Amino acid sequence: MTSSDLCELCNCAPPHNFHHLIPRTLHSNKWFKKRYTREQMQAGLWLCKVCHGAIHDQIPSEKELGRNFNTKEKLLAHEQIARFVQWRRSRLRE
């Protein structure tokens, strides 16, 4: 895990948090262990604290995050997250 220079969602500057696409609390869960490799479970995005918080506010269930929103593309397909990221990017340009 190495930090990117910019948030992978809104493109703002650091500080960053690492968002596991499959939450760490699920890594020992049999359902996830059968379906994902260790590398897939360790995968994630470097995000600013604001975007990271927004993801967990919009999708509070870790199982839902791990099962349905385990890629950047799937996160951005979530209507509220997509709207938030678009708003955040517009605020940063101002």
PDB file of N, CA and C in Angstrom:
ATOM      1  N   MET A   1       0.833  -1.174   0.000  1.00  0.00           N
ATOM      2  CA  MET A   1       0.000   0.000   0.000  1.00  0.00           C
ATOM      3  C   MET A   1       0.879   1.240   0.000  1.00  0.00           C
ATOM      4  N   THR A   2       0.806   1.995  -1.028  1.00  0.00           N
ATOM      5  CA  THR A   2       1.507   3.270  -1.051  1.00  0.00           C
ATOM      6  C   THR A   2       0.517   4.353  -1.422  1.00  0.00           C
ATOM      7  N   SER A   3       0.661   5.478  -0.798  1.00  0.00           N
ATOM      8  CA  SER A   3      -0.270   6.577  -0.988  1.00  0.00           C
ATOM      9  C   SER A   3      -0.080   7.237  -2.349  1.00  0.00           C
ATOM     10  N   SER A   4      -1.184   7.589  -2.945  1.00  0.00           N
ATOM     11  CA  SER A   4      -1.196   8.374  -4.167  1.00  0.00           C
ATOM     12  C   SER A   4      -1.032   9.844  -3.770  1.00  0.00           C
ATOM     13  N   ASP A   5      -0.751  10.693  -4.726  1.00  0.00           N
ATOM     14  CA  ASP A   5      -0.638  12.117  -4.434  1.00  0.00           C
ATOM     15  C   ASP A   5      -1.996  12.787  -4.302  1.00  0.00           C
ATOM     16  N   LEU A   6      -3.029  12.189  -4.892  1.00  0.00           N
ATOM     17  CA  LEU A   6      -4.360  12.784  -4.893  1.00  0.00           C
ATOM     18  C   LEU A   6      -5.410  11.763  -4.480  1.00  0.00           C
ATOM     19  N   CYS A   7      -6.510  12.264  -3.936  1.00  0.00           N
ATOM     20  CA  CYS A   7      -7.644  11.404  -3.629  1.00  0.00           C
ATOM     21  C   CYS A   7      -8.110  10.750  -4.927  1.00  0.00           C
ATOM     22  N   GLU A   8      -8.336   9.452  -4.881  1.00  0.00           N
ATOM     23  CA  GLU A   8      -8.719   8.723  -6.093  1.00  0.00           C
ATOM     24  C   GLU A   8     -10.166   8.959  -6.511  1.00  0.00           C
ATOM     25  N   LEU A   9     -10.928   9.699  -5.721  1.00  0.00           N
ATOM     26  CA  LEU A   9     -12.293  10.045  -6.129  1.00  0.00           C
ATOM     27  C   LEU A   9     -12.416  11.517  -6.508  1.00  0.00           C
ATOM     28  N   CYS A  10     -12.030  12.410  -5.618  1.00  0.00           N
ATOM     29  CA  CYS A  10     -12.248  13.842  -5.892  1.00  0.00           C
ATOM     30  C   CYS A  10     -11.012  14.570  -6.408  1.00  0.00           C
ATOM     31  N   ASN A  11      -9.866  13.907  -6.380  1.00  0.00           N
ATOM     32  CA  ASN A  11      -8.591  14.464  -6.864  1.00  0.00           C
ATOM     33  C   ASN A  11      -8.025  15.593  -6.010  1.00  0.00           C
ATOM     34  N   CYS A  12      -8.450  15.701  -4.754  1.00  0.00           N
ATOM     35  CA  CYS A  12      -7.862  16.722  -3.887  1.00  0.00           C
ATOM     36  C   CYS A  12      -6.523  16.225  -3.340  1.00  0.00           C
ATOM     37  N   ALA A  13      -5.777  17.140  -2.754  1.00  0.00           N
ATOM     38  CA  ALA A  13      -4.466  16.806  -2.180  1.00  0.00           C
ATOM     39  C   ALA A  13      -4.635  16.079  -0.848  1.00  0.00           C
ATOM     40  N   PRO A  14      -3.566  15.458  -0.328  1.00  0.00           N
ATOM     41  CA  PRO A  14      -3.602  14.729   0.943  1.00  0.00           C
ATOM     42  C   PRO A  14      -4.126  15.602   2.086  1.00  0.00           C
ATOM     43  N   PRO A  15      -4.445  15.095   3.253  1.00  0.00           N
ATOM     44  CA  PRO A  15      -4.128  13.773   3.774  1.00  0.00           C
ATOM     45  C   PRO A  15      -5.073  12.695   3.250  1.00  0.00           C
ATOM     46  N   HIS A  16      -4.563  11.468   3.232  1.00  0.00           N
ATOM     47  CA  HIS A  16      -5.324  10.348   2.695  1.00  0.00           C
ATOM     48  C   HIS A  16      -5.561   9.256   3.725  1.00  0.00           C
ATOM     49  N   ASN A  17      -6.610   8.528   3.471  1.00  0.00           N
ATOM     50  CA  ASN A  17      -6.932   7.307   4.211  1.00  0.00           C
ATOM     51  C   ASN A  17      -6.992   6.190   3.189  1.00  0.00           C
ATOM     52  N   PHE A  18      -6.631   4.996   3.583  1.00  0.00           N
ATOM     53  CA  PHE A  18      -6.754   3.858   2.683  1.00  0.00           C
ATOM     54  C   PHE A  18      -8.114   3.214   2.920  1.00  0.00           C
ATOM     55  N   HIS A  19      -8.926   3.168   1.890  1.00  0.00           N
ATOM     56  CA  HIS A  19     -10.248   2.550   1.955  1.00  0.00           C
ATOM     57  C   HIS A  19     -10.147   1.155   1.350  1.00  0.00           C
ATOM     58  N   HIS A  20     -10.297   0.118   2.195  1.00  0.00           N
ATOM     59  CA  HIS A  20     -10.318  -1.253   1.674  1.00  0.00           C
ATOM     60  C   HIS A  20     -11.629  -1.462   0.936  1.00  0.00           C
ATOM     61  N   LEU A  21     -11.557  -1.902  -0.301  1.00  0.00           N
ATOM     62  CA  LEU A  21     -12.772  -2.133  -1.081  1.00  0.00           C
ATOM     63  C   LEU A  21     -13.601  -3.263  -0.473  1.00  0.00           C
ATOM     64  N   ILE A  22     -12.941  -4.228   0.129  1.00  0.00           N
ATOM     65  CA  ILE A  22     -13.610  -5.237   0.949  1.00  0.00           C
ATOM     66  C   ILE A  22     -13.137  -4.962   2.376  1.00  0.00           C
ATOM     67  N   PRO A  23     -14.033  -4.472   3.240  1.00  0.00           N
ATOM     68  CA  PRO A  23     -13.624  -4.091   4.588  1.00  0.00           C
ATOM     69  C   PRO A  23     -12.862  -5.194   5.321  1.00  0.00           C
ATOM     70  N   ARG A  24     -11.862  -4.787   6.080  1.00  0.00           N
ATOM     71  CA  ARG A  24     -11.002  -5.742   6.797  1.00  0.00           C
ATOM     72  C   ARG A  24     -11.782  -6.652   7.729  1.00  0.00           C
ATOM     73  N   THR A  25     -12.884  -6.158   8.285  1.00  0.00           N
ATOM     74  CA  THR A  25     -13.678  -6.991   9.194  1.00  0.00           C
ATOM     75  C   THR A  25     -14.270  -8.204   8.491  1.00  0.00           C
ATOM     76  N   LEU A  26     -14.289  -8.199   7.158  1.00  0.00           N
ATOM     77  CA  LEU A  26     -14.871  -9.302   6.389  1.00  0.00           C
ATOM     78  C   LEU A  26     -13.824 -10.273   5.853  1.00  0.00           C
ATOM     79  N   HIS A  27     -12.558  -9.985   6.050  1.00  0.00           N
ATOM     80  CA  HIS A  27     -11.498 -10.809   5.462  1.00  0.00           C
ATOM     81  C   HIS A  27     -11.489 -12.241   5.974  1.00  0.00           C
ATOM     82  N   SER A  28     -12.004 -12.487   7.147  1.00  0.00           N
ATOM     83  CA  SER A  28     -12.040 -13.862   7.656  1.00  0.00           C
ATOM     84  C   SER A  28     -13.393 -14.536   7.402  1.00  0.00           C
ATOM     85  N   ASN A  29     -14.325 -13.812   6.815  1.00  0.00           N
ATOM     86  CA  ASN A  29     -15.651 -14.342   6.511  1.00  0.00           C
ATOM     87  C   ASN A  29     -15.556 -15.372   5.389  1.00  0.00           C
ATOM     88  N   LYS A  30     -16.164 -16.553   5.577  1.00  0.00           N
ATOM     89  CA  LYS A  30     -16.065 -17.643   4.594  1.00  0.00           C
ATOM     90  C   LYS A  30     -16.595 -17.246   3.219  1.00  0.00           C
ATOM     91  N   TRP A  31     -17.690 -16.483   3.177  1.00  0.00           N
ATOM     92  CA  TRP A  31     -18.281 -16.073   1.894  1.00  0.00           C
ATOM     93  C   TRP A  31     -17.260 -15.308   1.063  1.00  0.00           C
ATOM     94  N   PHE A  32     -16.540 -14.398   1.704  1.00  0.00           N
ATOM     95  CA  PHE A  32     -15.542 -13.589   1.006  1.00  0.00           C
ATOM     96  C   PHE A  32     -14.290 -14.400   0.688  1.00  0.00           C
ATOM     97  N   LYS A  33     -13.868 -15.258   1.613  1.00  0.00           N
ATOM     98  CA  LYS A  33     -12.664 -16.067   1.383  1.00  0.00           C
ATOM     99  C   LYS A  33     -12.832 -17.002   0.194  1.00  0.00           C
ATOM    100  N   LYS A  34     -14.050 -17.481  -0.045  1.00  0.00           N
ATOM    101  CA  LYS A  34     -14.309 -18.363  -1.190  1.00  0.00           C
ATOM    102  C   LYS A  34     -14.277 -17.618  -2.519  1.00  0.00           C
ATOM    103  N   ARG A  35     -14.625 -16.369  -2.496  1.00  0.00           N
ATOM    104  CA  ARG A  35     -14.831 -15.617  -3.733  1.00  0.00           C
ATOM    105  C   ARG A  35     -13.685 -14.682  -4.135  1.00  0.00           C
ATOM    106  N   TYR A  36     -12.832 -14.326  -3.194  1.00  0.00           N
ATOM    107  CA  TYR A  36     -11.793 -13.335  -3.470  1.00  0.00           C
ATOM    108  C   TYR A  36     -10.423 -13.834  -3.027  1.00  0.00           C
ATOM    109  N   THR A  37      -9.417 -13.471  -3.788  1.00  0.00           N
ATOM    110  CA  THR A  37      -8.042 -13.796  -3.417  1.00  0.00           C
ATOM    111  C   THR A  37      -7.585 -12.841  -2.307  1.00  0.00           C
ATOM    112  N   ARG A  38      -6.470 -13.179  -1.721  1.00  0.00           N
ATOM    113  CA  ARG A  38      -5.884 -12.303  -0.700  1.00  0.00           C
ATOM    114  C   ARG A  38      -5.588 -10.918  -1.290  1.00  0.00           C
ATOM    115  N   GLU A  39      -5.086 -10.891  -2.512  1.00  0.00           N
ATOM    116  CA  GLU A  39      -4.762  -9.626  -3.162  1.00  0.00           C
ATOM    117  C   GLU A  39      -6.019  -8.792  -3.385  1.00  0.00           C
ATOM    118  N   GLN A  40      -7.114  -9.438  -3.799  1.00  0.00           N
ATOM    119  CA  GLN A  40      -8.367  -8.711  -4.003  1.00  0.00           C
ATOM    120  C   GLN A  40      -8.888  -8.144  -2.685  1.00  0.00           C
ATOM    121  N   MET A  41      -8.704  -8.902  -1.609  1.00  0.00           N
ATOM    122  CA  MET A  41      -9.180  -8.427  -0.317  1.00  0.00           C
ATOM    123  C   MET A  41      -8.333  -7.272   0.213  1.00  0.00           C
ATOM    124  N   GLN A  42      -7.082  -7.210  -0.190  1.00  0.00           N
ATOM    125  CA  GLN A  42      -6.206  -6.127   0.260  1.00  0.00           C
ATOM    126  C   GLN A  42      -6.345  -4.870  -0.608  1.00  0.00           C
ATOM    127  N   ALA A  43      -7.017  -4.983  -1.747  1.00  0.00           N
ATOM    128  CA  ALA A  43      -7.137  -3.863  -2.680  1.00  0.00           C
ATOM    129  C   ALA A  43      -7.950  -2.728  -2.077  1.00  0.00           C
ATOM    130  N   GLY A  44      -7.616  -1.527  -2.510  1.00  0.00           N
ATOM    131  CA  GLY A  44      -8.346  -0.381  -2.001  1.00  0.00           C
ATOM    132  C   GLY A  44      -8.001   0.885  -2.742  1.00  0.00           C
ATOM    133  N   LEU A  45      -8.506   1.982  -2.216  1.00  0.00           N
ATOM    134  CA  LEU A  45      -8.320   3.296  -2.819  1.00  0.00           C
ATOM    135  C   LEU A  45      -7.744   4.249  -1.782  1.00  0.00           C
ATOM    136  N   TRP A  46      -6.882   5.145  -2.229  1.00  0.00           N
ATOM    137  CA  TRP A  46      -6.399   6.218  -1.364  1.00  0.00           C
ATOM    138  C   TRP A  46      -7.368   7.377  -1.513  1.00  0.00           C
ATOM    139  N   LEU A  47      -8.005   7.730  -0.391  1.00  0.00           N
ATOM    140  CA  LEU A  47      -9.045   8.748  -0.407  1.00  0.00           C
ATOM    141  C   LEU A  47      -8.755   9.834   0.620  1.00  0.00           C
ATOM    142  N   CYS A  48      -9.306  11.022   0.359  1.00  0.00           N
ATOM    143  CA  CYS A  48      -9.269  12.057   1.390  1.00  0.00           C
ATOM    144  C   CYS A  48     -10.266  11.666   2.483  1.00  0.00           C
ATOM    145  N   LYS A  49     -10.130  12.251   3.642  1.00  0.00           N
ATOM    146  CA  LYS A  49     -11.006  11.915   4.761  1.00  0.00           C
ATOM    147  C   LYS A  49     -12.463  12.217   4.442  1.00  0.00           C
ATOM    148  N   VAL A  50     -12.711  13.252   3.669  1.00  0.00           N
ATOM    149  CA  VAL A  50     -14.089  13.651   3.341  1.00  0.00           C
ATOM    150  C   VAL A  50     -14.752  12.597   2.462  1.00  0.00           C
ATOM    151  N   CYS A  51     -14.081  12.151   1.406  1.00  0.00           N
ATOM    152  CA  CYS A  51     -14.648  11.118   0.527  1.00  0.00           C
ATOM    153  C   CYS A  51     -14.788   9.789   1.268  1.00  0.00           C
ATOM    154  N   HIS A  52     -13.796   9.451   2.076  1.00  0.00           N
ATOM    155  CA  HIS A  52     -13.854   8.202   2.830  1.00  0.00           C
ATOM    156  C   HIS A  52     -15.064   8.206   3.766  1.00  0.00           C
ATOM    157  N   GLY A  53     -15.258   9.318   4.451  1.00  0.00           N
ATOM    158  CA  GLY A  53     -16.408   9.444   5.340  1.00  0.00           C
ATOM    159  C   GLY A  53     -17.728   9.370   4.593  1.00  0.00           C
ATOM    160  N   ALA A  54     -17.782   9.984   3.418  1.00  0.00           N
ATOM    161  CA  ALA A  54     -19.017   9.980   2.625  1.00  0.00           C
ATOM    162  C   ALA A  54     -19.397   8.566   2.199  1.00  0.00           C
ATOM    163  N   ILE A  55     -18.419   7.756   1.838  1.00  0.00           N
ATOM    164  CA  ILE A  55     -18.703   6.368   1.452  1.00  0.00           C
ATOM    165  C   ILE A  55     -19.345   5.633   2.621  1.00  0.00           C
ATOM    166  N   HIS A  56     -18.751   5.761   3.793  1.00  0.00           N
ATOM    167  CA  HIS A  56     -19.271   5.035   4.952  1.00  0.00           C
ATOM    168  C   HIS A  56     -20.591   5.627   5.453  1.00  0.00           C
ATOM    169  N   ASP A  57     -20.835   6.906   5.196  1.00  0.00           N
ATOM    170  CA  ASP A  57     -22.131   7.501   5.545  1.00  0.00           C
ATOM    171  C   ASP A  57     -23.229   6.994   4.613  1.00  0.00           C
ATOM    172  N   GLN A  58     -22.916   6.896   3.321  1.00  0.00           N
ATOM    173  CA  GLN A  58     -23.916   6.480   2.331  1.00  0.00           C
ATOM    174  C   GLN A  58     -24.150   4.972   2.326  1.00  0.00           C
ATOM    175  N   ILE A  59     -23.114   4.204   2.643  1.00  0.00           N
ATOM    176  CA  ILE A  59     -23.221   2.734   2.659  1.00  0.00           C
ATOM    177  C   ILE A  59     -22.678   2.247   4.007  1.00  0.00           C
ATOM    178  N   PRO A  60     -23.489   2.342   5.055  1.00  0.00           N
ATOM    179  CA  PRO A  60     -22.976   1.993   6.382  1.00  0.00           C
ATOM    180  C   PRO A  60     -22.732   0.499   6.604  1.00  0.00           C
ATOM    181  N   SER A  61     -23.361  -0.360   5.820  1.00  0.00           N
ATOM    182  CA  SER A  61     -23.188  -1.801   5.990  1.00  0.00           C
ATOM    183  C   SER A  61     -21.883  -2.260   5.345  1.00  0.00           C
ATOM    184  N   GLU A  62     -20.996  -2.816   6.148  1.00  0.00           N
ATOM    185  CA  GLU A  62     -19.725  -3.298   5.606  1.00  0.00           C
ATOM    186  C   GLU A  62     -19.941  -4.465   4.651  1.00  0.00           C
ATOM    187  N   LYS A  63     -20.921  -5.329   4.944  1.00  0.00           N
ATOM    188  CA  LYS A  63     -21.196  -6.438   4.028  1.00  0.00           C
ATOM    189  C   LYS A  63     -21.681  -5.924   2.678  1.00  0.00           C
ATOM    190  N   GLU A  64     -22.526  -4.899   2.686  1.00  0.00           N
ATOM    191  CA  GLU A  64     -22.992  -4.323   1.422  1.00  0.00           C
ATOM    192  C   GLU A  64     -21.825  -3.701   0.665  1.00  0.00           C
ATOM    193  N   LEU A  65     -20.956  -3.009   1.380  1.00  0.00           N
ATOM    194  CA  LEU A  65     -19.753  -2.437   0.747  1.00  0.00           C
ATOM    195  C   LEU A  65     -18.921  -3.533   0.089  1.00  0.00           C
ATOM    196  N   GLY A  66     -18.649  -4.591   0.839  1.00  0.00           N
ATOM    197  CA  GLY A  66     -17.802  -5.667   0.346  1.00  0.00           C
ATOM    198  C   GLY A  66     -18.414  -6.450  -0.798  1.00  0.00           C
ATOM    199  N   ARG A  67     -19.711  -6.672  -0.739  1.00  0.00           N
ATOM    200  CA  ARG A  67     -20.371  -7.478  -1.775  1.00  0.00           C
ATOM    201  C   ARG A  67     -20.720  -6.686  -3.026  1.00  0.00           C
ATOM    202  N   ASN A  68     -21.199  -5.450  -2.853  1.00  0.00           N
ATOM    203  CA  ASN A  68     -21.773  -4.719  -3.986  1.00  0.00           C
ATOM    204  C   ASN A  68     -20.978  -3.509  -4.456  1.00  0.00           C
ATOM    205  N   PHE A  69     -20.043  -3.031  -3.641  1.00  0.00           N
ATOM    206  CA  PHE A  69     -19.315  -1.809  -3.996  1.00  0.00           C
ATOM    207  C   PHE A  69     -17.823  -2.008  -3.787  1.00  0.00           C
ATOM    208  N   ASN A  70     -17.283  -3.106  -4.349  1.00  0.00           N
ATOM    209  CA  ASN A  70     -15.890  -3.490  -4.112  1.00  0.00           C
ATOM    210  C   ASN A  70     -14.938  -3.093  -5.237  1.00  0.00           C
ATOM    211  N   THR A  71     -15.355  -2.121  -6.062  1.00  0.00           N
ATOM    212  CA  THR A  71     -14.454  -1.528  -7.059  1.00  0.00           C
ATOM    213  C   THR A  71     -14.730  -0.024  -7.114  1.00  0.00           C
ATOM    214  N   LYS A  72     -13.799   0.715  -7.643  1.00  0.00           N
ATOM    215  CA  LYS A  72     -13.989   2.157  -7.803  1.00  0.00           C
ATOM    216  C   LYS A  72     -15.183   2.424  -8.707  1.00  0.00           C
ATOM    217  N   GLU A  73     -15.306   1.644  -9.771  1.00  0.00           N
ATOM    218  CA  GLU A  73     -16.405   1.834 -10.716  1.00  0.00           C
ATOM    219  C   GLU A  73     -17.757   1.592 -10.055  1.00  0.00           C
ATOM    220  N   LYS A  74     -17.836   0.566  -9.223  1.00  0.00           N
ATOM    221  CA  LYS A  74     -19.097   0.272  -8.531  1.00  0.00           C
ATOM    222  C   LYS A  74     -19.437   1.364  -7.525  1.00  0.00           C
ATOM    223  N   LEU A  75     -18.427   1.888  -6.836  1.00  0.00           N
ATOM    224  CA  LEU A  75     -18.674   2.996  -5.915  1.00  0.00           C
ATOM    225  C   LEU A  75     -19.215   4.210  -6.662  1.00  0.00           C
ATOM    226  N   LEU A  76     -18.601   4.522  -7.805  1.00  0.00           N
ATOM    227  CA  LEU A  76     -19.031   5.688  -8.569  1.00  0.00           C
ATOM    228  C   LEU A  76     -20.375   5.472  -9.263  1.00  0.00           C
ATOM    229  N   ALA A  77     -20.817   4.221  -9.363  1.00  0.00           N
ATOM    230  CA  ALA A  77     -22.140   3.937  -9.925  1.00  0.00           C
ATOM    231  C   ALA A  77     -23.237   4.132  -8.873  1.00  0.00           C
ATOM    232  N   HIS A  78     -22.863   4.208  -7.608  1.00  0.00           N
ATOM    233  CA  HIS A  78     -23.825   4.469  -6.529  1.00  0.00           C
ATOM    234  C   HIS A  78     -24.273   5.928  -6.668  1.00  0.00           C
ATOM    235  N   GLU A  79     -25.570   6.142  -6.817  1.00  0.00           N
ATOM    236  CA  GLU A  79     -26.089   7.467  -7.152  1.00  0.00           C
ATOM    237  C   GLU A  79     -25.651   8.560  -6.172  1.00  0.00           C
ATOM    238  N   GLN A  80     -25.789   8.318  -4.877  1.00  0.00           N
ATOM    239  CA  GLN A  80     -25.427   9.355  -3.904  1.00  0.00           C
ATOM    240  C   GLN A  80     -23.923   9.605  -3.855  1.00  0.00           C
ATOM    241  N   ILE A  81     -23.137   8.559  -3.989  1.00  0.00           N
ATOM    242  CA  ILE A  81     -21.682   8.746  -3.975  1.00  0.00           C
ATOM    243  C   ILE A  81     -21.240   9.495  -5.224  1.00  0.00           C
ATOM    244  N   ALA A  82     -21.811   9.145  -6.365  1.00  0.00           N
ATOM    245  CA  ALA A  82     -21.471   9.842  -7.614  1.00  0.00           C
ATOM    246  C   ALA A  82     -21.812  11.328  -7.502  1.00  0.00           C
ATOM    247  N   ARG A  83     -22.988  11.638  -6.957  1.00  0.00           N
ATOM    248  CA  ARG A  83     -23.379  13.041  -6.784  1.00  0.00           C
ATOM    249  C   ARG A  83     -22.439  13.756  -5.813  1.00  0.00           C
ATOM    250  N   PHE A  84     -22.065  13.070  -4.733  1.00  0.00           N
ATOM    251  CA  PHE A  84     -21.156  13.670  -3.763  1.00  0.00           C
ATOM    252  C   PHE A  84     -19.800  13.972  -4.404  1.00  0.00           C
ATOM    253  N   VAL A  85     -19.260  13.009  -5.135  1.00  0.00           N
ATOM    254  CA  VAL A  85     -17.942  13.199  -5.763  1.00  0.00           C
ATOM    255  C   VAL A  85     -18.006  14.337  -6.777  1.00  0.00           C
ATOM    256  N   GLN A  86     -19.076  14.399  -7.539  1.00  0.00           N
ATOM    257  CA  GLN A  86     -19.229  15.488  -8.512  1.00  0.00           C
ATOM    258  C   GLN A  86     -19.285  16.840  -7.785  1.00  0.00           C
ATOM    259  N   TRP A  87     -20.045  16.913  -6.693  1.00  0.00           N
ATOM    260  CA  TRP A  87     -20.131  18.141  -5.899  1.00  0.00           C
ATOM    261  C   TRP A  87     -18.764  18.504  -5.319  1.00  0.00           C
ATOM    262  N   ARG A  88     -18.088  17.513  -4.781  1.00  0.00           N
ATOM    263  CA  ARG A  88     -16.776  17.744  -4.154  1.00  0.00           C
ATOM    264  C   ARG A  88     -15.767  18.271  -5.180  1.00  0.00           C
ATOM    265  N   ARG A  89     -15.752  17.670  -6.347  1.00  0.00           N
ATOM    266  CA  ARG A  89     -14.832  18.134  -7.400  1.00  0.00           C
ATOM    267  C   ARG A  89     -15.142  19.569  -7.798  1.00  0.00           C
ATOM    268  N   SER A  90     -16.436  19.912  -7.896  1.00  0.00           N
ATOM    269  CA  SER A  90     -16.809  21.281  -8.282  1.00  0.00           C
ATOM    270  C   SER A  90     -16.393  22.274  -7.207  1.00  0.00           C
ATOM    271  N   ARG A  91     -16.483  21.904  -5.938  1.00  0.00           N
ATOM    272  CA  ARG A  91     -16.081  22.771  -4.836  1.00  0.00           C
ATOM    273  C   ARG A  91     -14.575  23.003  -4.845  1.00  0.00           C
ATOM    274  N   LEU A  92     -13.821  22.004  -5.233  1.00  0.00           N
ATOM    275  CA  LEU A  92     -12.362  22.122  -5.248  1.00  0.00           C
ATOM    276  C   LEU A  92     -11.872  23.024  -6.386  1.00  0.00           C
ATOM    277  N   ARG A  93     -12.657  23.115  -7.451  1.00  0.00           N
ATOM    278  CA  ARG A  93     -12.267  23.964  -8.594  1.00  0.00           C
ATOM    279  C   ARG A  93     -12.497  25.435  -8.295  1.00  0.00           C
ATOM    280  N   GLU A  94     -13.369  25.728  -7.343  1.00  0.00           N
ATOM    281  CA  GLU A  94     -13.709  27.125  -7.042  1.00  0.00           C
ATOM    282  C   GLU A  94     -12.579  27.856  -6.359  1.00  0.00           C
TER     283      GLU A  94
END
